[in-house]
Amino acid sequence: MRAIERAAGEPYREIGLAVVADDDPPPTAVLVAFAAAGRAFVDERAGEPVGYLLTEIVDGCAHVEQVSVLPALRGRRIGAGLVEHLAGWARDHRLPALTLTTYRDVPWNGPYYVRLGFRELVELTPGLRAIRAAEACRGLDVWPRLAMRRDLT
């Protein structure tokens, strides 16, 4: 999963967002904890992981903590499949929505999530405000970011 995230970060370097490309993936212990909690979803092709999604519960919603797909497989709806899997998981857990934070203008971020049914949030919940503050502290606000929500009901 760490290798997938590193590879998925490289296209950001090409558009001037080296801060994303250089951001270290979560340590293995953190990824193992997500998996042990049932909140890590992996897409495999030919027995090899090609994408993954991590989720947390934030303000009573399934929050997309991270979704990464190998760049060579972009356009095959792997990310969309992971998001749909999360939507089913969230419904099974009786959660009302999916949330995430992302870059507004990066084509495979904000516009992509709009196509997947997310909408921009104007008013942020306390948990999303805390996530956005942590992102700003990590230097991720060099380009405009936003929080999004996809209702499941």
N, C-alpha and C. Protein backbone atom coordinates (compact mmCIF):
# COMPACT_ATOMS: atom_id res chain seq x y z
N MET A 1 0.83 -1.20 0.00
CA MET A 1 0.00 0.00 0.00
C MET A 1 0.87 1.26 0.00
N ARG A 2 1.99 1.18 0.73
CA ARG A 2 2.88 2.34 0.76
C ARG A 2 3.45 2.62 -0.64
N ALA A 3 3.78 1.57 -1.37
CA ALA A 3 4.32 1.74 -2.72
C ALA A 3 3.26 2.32 -3.66
N ILE A 4 2.01 1.89 -3.50
CA ILE A 4 0.93 2.44 -4.32
C ILE A 4 0.78 3.93 -4.05
N GLU A 5 0.82 4.32 -2.78
CA GLU A 5 0.65 5.73 -2.46
C GLU A 5 1.80 6.58 -2.99
N ARG A 6 3.02 6.05 -2.88
CA ARG A 6 4.16 6.81 -3.43
C ARG A 6 3.99 7.02 -4.93
N ALA A 7 3.63 5.95 -5.63
CA ALA A 7 3.45 6.05 -7.08
C ALA A 7 2.30 7.00 -7.42
N ALA A 8 1.21 6.91 -6.67
CA ALA A 8 0.05 7.77 -6.93
C ALA A 8 0.37 9.23 -6.66
N GLY A 9 1.35 9.51 -5.83
CA GLY A 9 1.72 10.89 -5.54
C GLY A 9 2.54 11.56 -6.62
N GLU A 10 3.22 10.78 -7.43
CA GLU A 10 4.12 11.37 -8.44
C GLU A 10 3.44 12.29 -9.44
N PRO A 11 2.24 11.99 -9.94
CA PRO A 11 1.59 12.94 -10.87
C PRO A 11 1.37 14.33 -10.28
N TYR A 12 1.29 14.43 -8.96
CA TYR A 12 1.15 15.75 -8.33
C TYR A 12 2.41 16.59 -8.55
N ARG A 13 3.56 15.95 -8.57
CA ARG A 13 4.81 16.67 -8.81
C ARG A 13 4.77 17.36 -10.17
N GLU A 14 4.18 16.69 -11.15
CA GLU A 14 4.12 17.21 -12.52
C GLU A 14 3.26 18.46 -12.64
N ILE A 15 2.36 18.69 -11.68
CA ILE A 15 1.51 19.88 -11.76
C ILE A 15 1.90 20.92 -10.71
N GLY A 16 3.07 20.74 -10.09
CA GLY A 16 3.57 21.73 -9.13
C GLY A 16 3.19 21.47 -7.69
N LEU A 17 2.72 20.27 -7.38
CA LEU A 17 2.36 19.94 -6.00
C LEU A 17 3.33 18.90 -5.43
N ALA A 18 4.60 19.26 -5.43
CA ALA A 18 5.60 18.36 -4.88
C ALA A 18 5.33 18.03 -3.42
N VAL A 19 4.65 18.94 -2.71
CA VAL A 19 4.33 18.70 -1.30
C VAL A 19 3.51 17.42 -1.15
N VAL A 20 2.68 17.10 -2.12
CA VAL A 20 1.89 15.86 -2.07
C VAL A 20 2.78 14.68 -2.43
N ALA A 21 3.55 14.83 -3.50
CA ALA A 21 4.43 13.73 -3.93
C ALA A 21 5.45 13.38 -2.85
N ASP A 22 5.89 14.37 -2.10
CA ASP A 22 6.91 14.14 -1.08
C ASP A 22 6.33 13.74 0.28
N ASP A 23 5.01 13.77 0.41
CA ASP A 23 4.35 13.42 1.68
C ASP A 23 4.49 11.92 1.90
N ASP A 24 5.07 11.53 3.02
CA ASP A 24 5.27 10.12 3.30
C ASP A 24 3.94 9.40 3.50
N PRO A 25 3.83 8.18 2.96
CA PRO A 25 2.64 7.37 3.24
C PRO A 25 2.59 7.03 4.72
N PRO A 26 1.43 6.64 5.21
CA PRO A 26 1.35 6.24 6.62
C PRO A 26 2.31 5.08 6.90
N PRO A 27 2.83 5.01 8.11
CA PRO A 27 3.69 3.88 8.47
C PRO A 27 2.92 2.56 8.36
N THR A 28 3.65 1.50 8.17
CA THR A 28 3.03 0.17 8.05
C THR A 28 2.12 -0.13 9.22
N ALA A 29 2.54 0.22 10.43
CA ALA A 29 1.72 -0.06 11.61
C ALA A 29 0.35 0.62 11.52
N VAL A 30 0.30 1.82 10.96
CA VAL A 30 -0.97 2.53 10.81
C VAL A 30 -1.85 1.81 9.79
N LEU A 31 -1.25 1.38 8.69
CA LEU A 31 -2.00 0.66 7.66
C LEU A 31 -2.54 -0.66 8.21
N VAL A 32 -1.72 -1.35 9.00
CA VAL A 32 -2.15 -2.60 9.61
C VAL A 32 -3.33 -2.34 10.56
N ALA A 33 -3.28 -1.24 11.30
CA ALA A 33 -4.37 -0.90 12.21
C ALA A 33 -5.67 -0.63 11.43
N PHE A 34 -5.59 0.07 10.30
CA PHE A 34 -6.78 0.28 9.47
C PHE A 34 -7.34 -1.06 9.01
N ALA A 35 -6.46 -1.95 8.56
CA ALA A 35 -6.91 -3.26 8.08
C ALA A 35 -7.54 -4.07 9.22
N ALA A 36 -6.90 -4.07 10.37
CA ALA A 36 -7.41 -4.83 11.52
C ALA A 36 -8.78 -4.32 11.96
N ALA A 37 -9.02 -3.02 11.78
CA ALA A 37 -10.30 -2.42 12.16
C ALA A 37 -11.37 -2.58 11.06
N GLY A 38 -10.98 -3.20 9.93
CA GLY A 38 -11.92 -3.38 8.83
C GLY A 38 -12.19 -2.11 8.06
N ARG A 39 -11.23 -1.17 8.08
CA ARG A 39 -11.42 0.12 7.42
C ARG A 39 -10.39 0.38 6.33
N ALA A 40 -9.80 -0.71 5.79
CA ALA A 40 -8.89 -0.62 4.65
C ALA A 40 -9.44 -1.54 3.56
N PHE A 41 -9.62 -1.01 2.37
CA PHE A 41 -10.17 -1.78 1.26
C PHE A 41 -9.15 -1.76 0.12
N VAL A 42 -8.81 -2.92 -0.39
CA VAL A 42 -7.76 -3.05 -1.40
C VAL A 42 -8.35 -3.66 -2.66
N ASP A 43 -8.01 -3.09 -3.80
CA ASP A 43 -8.38 -3.66 -5.10
C ASP A 43 -7.16 -4.40 -5.63
N GLU A 44 -7.35 -5.66 -5.96
CA GLU A 44 -6.26 -6.46 -6.51
C GLU A 44 -6.60 -6.87 -7.94
N ARG A 45 -5.59 -6.88 -8.76
CA ARG A 45 -5.69 -7.37 -10.14
C ARG A 45 -4.58 -8.37 -10.34
N ALA A 46 -4.92 -9.54 -10.83
CA ALA A 46 -3.95 -10.62 -11.03
C ALA A 46 -3.17 -10.90 -9.75
N GLY A 47 -3.87 -10.80 -8.62
CA GLY A 47 -3.26 -11.11 -7.33
C GLY A 47 -2.34 -10.04 -6.77
N GLU A 48 -2.29 -8.89 -7.41
CA GLU A 48 -1.43 -7.80 -6.94
C GLU A 48 -2.28 -6.59 -6.57
N PRO A 49 -2.00 -5.94 -5.44
CA PRO A 49 -2.74 -4.72 -5.10
C PRO A 49 -2.45 -3.60 -6.09
N VAL A 50 -3.51 -2.93 -6.54
CA VAL A 50 -3.36 -1.84 -7.50
C VAL A 50 -3.96 -0.53 -6.99
N GLY A 51 -4.74 -0.63 -5.91
CA GLY A 51 -5.35 0.55 -5.33
C GLY A 51 -5.90 0.22 -3.96
N TYR A 52 -6.08 1.26 -3.16
CA TYR A 52 -6.64 1.04 -1.84
C TYR A 52 -7.35 2.29 -1.35
N LEU A 53 -8.20 2.08 -0.37
CA LEU A 53 -8.94 3.17 0.27
C LEU A 53 -8.92 2.93 1.77
N LEU A 54 -8.65 3.98 2.53
CA LEU A 54 -8.71 3.95 3.99
C LEU A 54 -9.87 4.84 4.43
N THR A 55 -10.61 4.40 5.42
CA THR A 55 -11.72 5.21 5.92
C THR A 55 -11.67 5.32 7.43
N GLU A 56 -12.16 6.44 7.91
CA GLU A 56 -12.36 6.69 9.33
C GLU A 56 -13.79 7.17 9.51
N ILE A 57 -14.28 7.08 10.71
CA ILE A 57 -15.58 7.66 11.02
C ILE A 57 -15.33 9.06 11.56
N VAL A 58 -15.84 10.05 10.86
CA VAL A 58 -15.67 11.46 11.24
C VAL A 58 -17.07 12.09 11.30
N ASP A 59 -17.42 12.57 12.46
CA ASP A 59 -18.71 13.22 12.65
C ASP A 59 -19.87 12.34 12.18
N GLY A 60 -19.74 11.03 12.44
CA GLY A 60 -20.81 10.09 12.11
C GLY A 60 -20.90 9.69 10.66
N CYS A 61 -19.90 10.04 9.85
CA CYS A 61 -19.88 9.70 8.43
C CYS A 61 -18.63 8.88 8.11
N ALA A 62 -18.69 8.12 7.02
CA ALA A 62 -17.50 7.40 6.54
C ALA A 62 -16.63 8.41 5.79
N HIS A 63 -15.49 8.72 6.36
CA HIS A 63 -14.59 9.71 5.77
C HIS A 63 -13.50 9.00 4.98
N VAL A 64 -13.32 9.40 3.73
CA VAL A 64 -12.25 8.86 2.90
C VAL A 64 -10.95 9.50 3.38
N GLU A 65 -10.19 8.75 4.14
CA GLU A 65 -8.91 9.23 4.64
C GLU A 65 -7.88 9.25 3.52
N GLN A 66 -7.89 8.22 2.70
CA GLN A 66 -6.94 8.14 1.59
C GLN A 66 -7.49 7.18 0.55
N VAL A 67 -7.36 7.54 -0.70
CA VAL A 67 -7.61 6.61 -1.80
C VAL A 67 -6.48 6.81 -2.79
N SER A 68 -5.82 5.71 -3.13
CA SER A 68 -4.68 5.76 -4.04
C SER A 68 -4.76 4.61 -5.03
N VAL A 69 -4.42 4.92 -6.28
CA VAL A 69 -4.43 3.93 -7.36
C VAL A 69 -3.13 4.09 -8.14
N LEU A 70 -2.57 2.98 -8.59
CA LEU A 70 -1.36 3.06 -9.41
C LEU A 70 -1.65 3.91 -10.65
N PRO A 71 -0.82 4.91 -10.94
CA PRO A 71 -1.07 5.80 -12.07
C PRO A 71 -1.20 5.07 -13.41
N ALA A 72 -0.47 3.99 -13.59
CA ALA A 72 -0.54 3.25 -14.86
C ALA A 72 -1.93 2.67 -15.11
N LEU A 73 -2.73 2.55 -14.06
CA LEU A 73 -4.07 1.97 -14.20
C LEU A 73 -5.18 3.00 -14.09
N ARG A 74 -4.80 4.26 -14.11
CA ARG A 74 -5.79 5.34 -14.05
C ARG A 74 -6.75 5.22 -15.23
N GLY A 75 -8.00 5.54 -14.99
CA GLY A 75 -9.02 5.48 -16.04
C GLY A 75 -9.75 4.16 -16.10
N ARG A 76 -9.41 3.23 -15.23
CA ARG A 76 -10.08 1.91 -15.22
C ARG A 76 -11.13 1.81 -14.12
N ARG A 77 -11.47 2.94 -13.52
CA ARG A 77 -12.52 3.04 -12.50
C ARG A 77 -12.19 2.27 -11.22
N ILE A 78 -10.91 2.10 -10.96
CA ILE A 78 -10.49 1.43 -9.73
C ILE A 78 -10.85 2.29 -8.52
N GLY A 79 -10.51 3.57 -8.58
CA GLY A 79 -10.85 4.49 -7.49
C GLY A 79 -12.35 4.58 -7.30
N ALA A 80 -13.10 4.68 -8.39
CA ALA A 80 -14.56 4.74 -8.30
C ALA A 80 -15.11 3.46 -7.68
N GLY A 81 -14.53 2.33 -8.03
CA GLY A 81 -14.96 1.07 -7.44
C GLY A 81 -14.71 1.02 -5.95
N LEU A 82 -13.56 1.55 -5.53
CA LEU A 82 -13.26 1.59 -4.10
C LEU A 82 -14.24 2.51 -3.36
N VAL A 83 -14.57 3.64 -3.97
CA VAL A 83 -15.53 4.56 -3.34
C VAL A 83 -16.90 3.90 -3.26
N GLU A 84 -17.31 3.19 -4.30
CA GLU A 84 -18.60 2.50 -4.27
C GLU A 84 -18.60 1.39 -3.22
N HIS A 85 -17.48 0.71 -3.08
CA HIS A 85 -17.37 -0.31 -2.03
C HIS A 85 -17.55 0.34 -0.65
N LEU A 86 -16.90 1.49 -0.46
CA LEU A 86 -17.05 2.22 0.79
C LEU A 86 -18.50 2.64 1.01
N ALA A 87 -19.17 3.07 -0.04
CA ALA A 87 -20.58 3.48 0.10
C ALA A 87 -21.42 2.30 0.59
N GLY A 88 -21.18 1.11 0.05
CA GLY A 88 -21.90 -0.07 0.53
C GLY A 88 -21.57 -0.39 1.98
N TRP A 89 -20.30 -0.28 2.31
CA TRP A 89 -19.86 -0.51 3.70
C TRP A 89 -20.55 0.48 4.64
N ALA A 90 -20.57 1.74 4.22
CA ALA A 90 -21.19 2.78 5.06
C ALA A 90 -22.69 2.53 5.23
N ARG A 91 -23.36 2.13 4.16
CA ARG A 91 -24.79 1.81 4.28
C ARG A 91 -24.99 0.65 5.25
N ASP A 92 -24.14 -0.38 5.13
CA ASP A 92 -24.23 -1.53 6.04
C ASP A 92 -24.05 -1.12 7.50
N HIS A 93 -23.25 -0.07 7.71
CA HIS A 93 -23.00 0.44 9.06
C HIS A 93 -23.95 1.58 9.43
N ARG A 94 -24.95 1.79 8.59
CA ARG A 94 -26.00 2.80 8.83
C ARG A 94 -25.44 4.22 8.98
N LEU A 95 -24.43 4.51 8.16
CA LEU A 95 -23.85 5.86 8.14
C LEU A 95 -24.53 6.66 7.04
N PRO A 96 -24.80 7.93 7.27
CA PRO A 96 -25.60 8.71 6.32
C PRO A 96 -24.86 9.23 5.09
N ALA A 97 -23.52 9.26 5.15
CA ALA A 97 -22.81 9.92 4.06
C ALA A 97 -21.34 9.52 4.04
N LEU A 98 -20.71 9.84 2.91
CA LEU A 98 -19.26 9.78 2.78
C LEU A 98 -18.75 11.21 2.78
N THR A 99 -17.60 11.44 3.36
CA THR A 99 -16.96 12.75 3.30
C THR A 99 -15.51 12.57 2.89
N LEU A 100 -14.90 13.66 2.46
CA LEU A 100 -13.49 13.66 2.12
C LEU A 100 -13.01 15.10 2.02
N THR A 101 -11.71 15.27 2.00
CA THR A 101 -11.10 16.56 1.68
C THR A 101 -10.18 16.32 0.50
N THR A 102 -10.05 17.33 -0.34
CA THR A 102 -9.29 17.15 -1.57
C THR A 102 -8.93 18.50 -2.18
N TYR A 103 -8.18 18.46 -3.27
CA TYR A 103 -7.85 19.68 -4.00
C TYR A 103 -9.00 20.03 -4.95
N ARG A 104 -9.43 21.27 -4.89
CA ARG A 104 -10.57 21.75 -5.68
C ARG A 104 -10.33 21.59 -7.19
N ASP A 105 -9.15 21.98 -7.67
CA ASP A 105 -8.95 22.12 -9.11
C ASP A 105 -8.09 21.04 -9.75
N VAL A 106 -7.56 20.10 -8.99
CA VAL A 106 -6.79 19.01 -9.59
C VAL A 106 -7.79 18.06 -10.25
N PRO A 107 -7.64 17.80 -11.55
CA PRO A 107 -8.67 17.03 -12.28
C PRO A 107 -9.04 15.69 -11.65
N TRP A 108 -8.08 15.00 -11.10
CA TRP A 108 -8.37 13.69 -10.49
C TRP A 108 -8.74 13.82 -9.01
N ASN A 109 -9.04 15.03 -8.58
CA ASN A 109 -9.50 15.29 -7.22
C ASN A 109 -10.90 15.90 -7.28
N GLY A 110 -11.04 17.19 -7.00
CA GLY A 110 -12.35 17.82 -6.89
C GLY A 110 -13.31 17.49 -8.03
N PRO A 111 -12.94 17.75 -9.29
CA PRO A 111 -13.86 17.45 -10.39
C PRO A 111 -14.22 15.96 -10.49
N TYR A 112 -13.27 15.11 -10.17
CA TYR A 112 -13.50 13.66 -10.20
C TYR A 112 -14.56 13.27 -9.17
N TYR A 113 -14.42 13.80 -7.95
CA TYR A 113 -15.37 13.45 -6.91
C TYR A 113 -16.76 14.01 -7.17
N VAL A 114 -16.85 15.15 -7.86
CA VAL A 114 -18.16 15.65 -8.27
C VAL A 114 -18.82 14.61 -9.18
N ARG A 115 -18.05 14.05 -10.11
CA ARG A 115 -18.60 13.01 -11.00
C ARG A 115 -19.05 11.77 -10.23
N LEU A 116 -18.47 11.54 -9.05
CA LEU A 116 -18.86 10.39 -8.23
C LEU A 116 -19.99 10.73 -7.26
N GLY A 117 -20.57 11.93 -7.39
CA GLY A 117 -21.74 12.28 -6.60
C GLY A 117 -21.47 13.10 -5.35
N PHE A 118 -20.25 13.57 -5.16
CA PHE A 118 -19.93 14.41 -4.00
C PHE A 118 -20.26 15.86 -4.32
N ARG A 119 -20.51 16.63 -3.26
CA ARG A 119 -20.74 18.06 -3.40
C ARG A 119 -19.86 18.79 -2.39
N GLU A 120 -19.51 20.00 -2.73
CA GLU A 120 -18.68 20.81 -1.83
C GLU A 120 -19.48 21.22 -0.60
N LEU A 121 -18.83 21.16 0.54
CA LEU A 121 -19.44 21.62 1.78
C LEU A 121 -19.02 23.05 2.06
N VAL A 122 -19.97 23.88 2.40
CA VAL A 122 -19.68 25.26 2.79
C VAL A 122 -19.43 25.31 4.29
N GLU A 123 -20.33 24.70 5.04
CA GLU A 123 -20.20 24.61 6.50
C GLU A 123 -19.54 23.29 6.86
N LEU A 124 -18.42 23.35 7.56
CA LEU A 124 -17.73 22.13 7.95
C LEU A 124 -18.13 21.69 9.35
N THR A 125 -18.21 20.40 9.53
CA THR A 125 -18.45 19.83 10.86
C THR A 125 -17.17 19.96 11.67
N PRO A 126 -17.24 19.80 12.98
CA PRO A 126 -16.03 19.93 13.80
C PRO A 126 -14.89 19.00 13.38
N GLY A 127 -15.21 17.77 13.06
CA GLY A 127 -14.17 16.82 12.64
C GLY A 127 -13.52 17.22 11.33
N LEU A 128 -14.32 17.69 10.39
CA LEU A 128 -13.76 18.14 9.11
C LEU A 128 -12.93 19.41 9.28
N ARG A 129 -13.36 20.29 10.17
CA ARG A 129 -12.54 21.49 10.44
C ARG A 129 -11.18 21.07 11.01
N ALA A 130 -11.17 20.08 11.89
CA ALA A 130 -9.91 19.60 12.47
C ALA A 130 -9.02 18.97 11.40
N ILE A 131 -9.62 18.21 10.49
CA ILE A 131 -8.85 17.60 9.41
C ILE A 131 -8.25 18.68 8.53
N ARG A 132 -9.05 19.68 8.17
CA ARG A 132 -8.54 20.77 7.31
C ARG A 132 -7.42 21.53 8.02
N ALA A 133 -7.55 21.75 9.32
CA ALA A 133 -6.48 22.44 10.06
C ALA A 133 -5.20 21.61 10.05
N ALA A 134 -5.32 20.31 10.23
CA ALA A 134 -4.13 19.44 10.21
C ALA A 134 -3.49 19.44 8.83
N GLU A 135 -4.30 19.46 7.78
CA GLU A 135 -3.77 19.51 6.42
C GLU A 135 -3.01 20.81 6.19
N ALA A 136 -3.56 21.91 6.67
CA ALA A 136 -2.88 23.20 6.53
C ALA A 136 -1.53 23.17 7.25
N CYS A 137 -1.49 22.56 8.43
CA CYS A 137 -0.23 22.46 9.19
C CYS A 137 0.80 21.63 8.44
N ARG A 138 0.35 20.67 7.65
CA ARG A 138 1.26 19.82 6.86
C ARG A 138 1.68 20.50 5.57
N GLY A 139 1.19 21.70 5.30
CA GLY A 139 1.58 22.43 4.11
C GLY A 139 0.79 22.07 2.86
N LEU A 140 -0.33 21.40 3.02
CA LEU A 140 -1.10 20.95 1.86
C LEU A 140 -1.96 22.04 1.25
N ASP A 141 -2.06 23.19 1.89
CA ASP A 141 -2.91 24.27 1.37
C ASP A 141 -2.22 25.17 0.35
N VAL A 142 -1.21 24.66 -0.31
CA VAL A 142 -0.53 25.46 -1.34
C VAL A 142 -1.44 25.65 -2.56
N TRP A 143 -2.43 24.80 -2.73
CA TRP A 143 -3.48 24.95 -3.73
C TRP A 143 -4.81 24.89 -2.98
N PRO A 144 -5.87 25.46 -3.55
CA PRO A 144 -7.16 25.45 -2.86
C PRO A 144 -7.67 24.03 -2.57
N ARG A 145 -8.10 23.84 -1.33
CA ARG A 145 -8.65 22.56 -0.90
C ARG A 145 -10.10 22.76 -0.47
N LEU A 146 -10.83 21.68 -0.40
CA LEU A 146 -12.21 21.74 0.02
C LEU A 146 -12.61 20.43 0.68
N ALA A 147 -13.70 20.49 1.41
CA ALA A 147 -14.31 19.29 1.99
C ALA A 147 -15.56 18.99 1.16
N MET A 148 -15.81 17.69 0.98
CA MET A 148 -16.95 17.27 0.16
C MET A 148 -17.75 16.20 0.90
N ARG A 149 -19.01 16.04 0.46
CA ARG A 149 -19.90 15.06 1.08
C ARG A 149 -20.74 14.41 -0.02
N ARG A 150 -20.99 13.13 0.16
CA ARG A 150 -21.92 12.40 -0.70
C ARG A 150 -22.94 11.72 0.21
N ASP A 151 -24.16 12.20 0.15
CA ASP A 151 -25.22 11.60 0.97
C ASP A 151 -25.56 10.22 0.44
N LEU A 152 -25.88 9.32 1.37
CA LEU A 152 -26.19 7.94 0.99
C LEU A 152 -27.66 7.61 1.14
N THR A 153 -28.45 8.53 1.66
CA THR A 153 -29.87 8.24 1.85
C THR A 153 -30.69 8.76 0.70
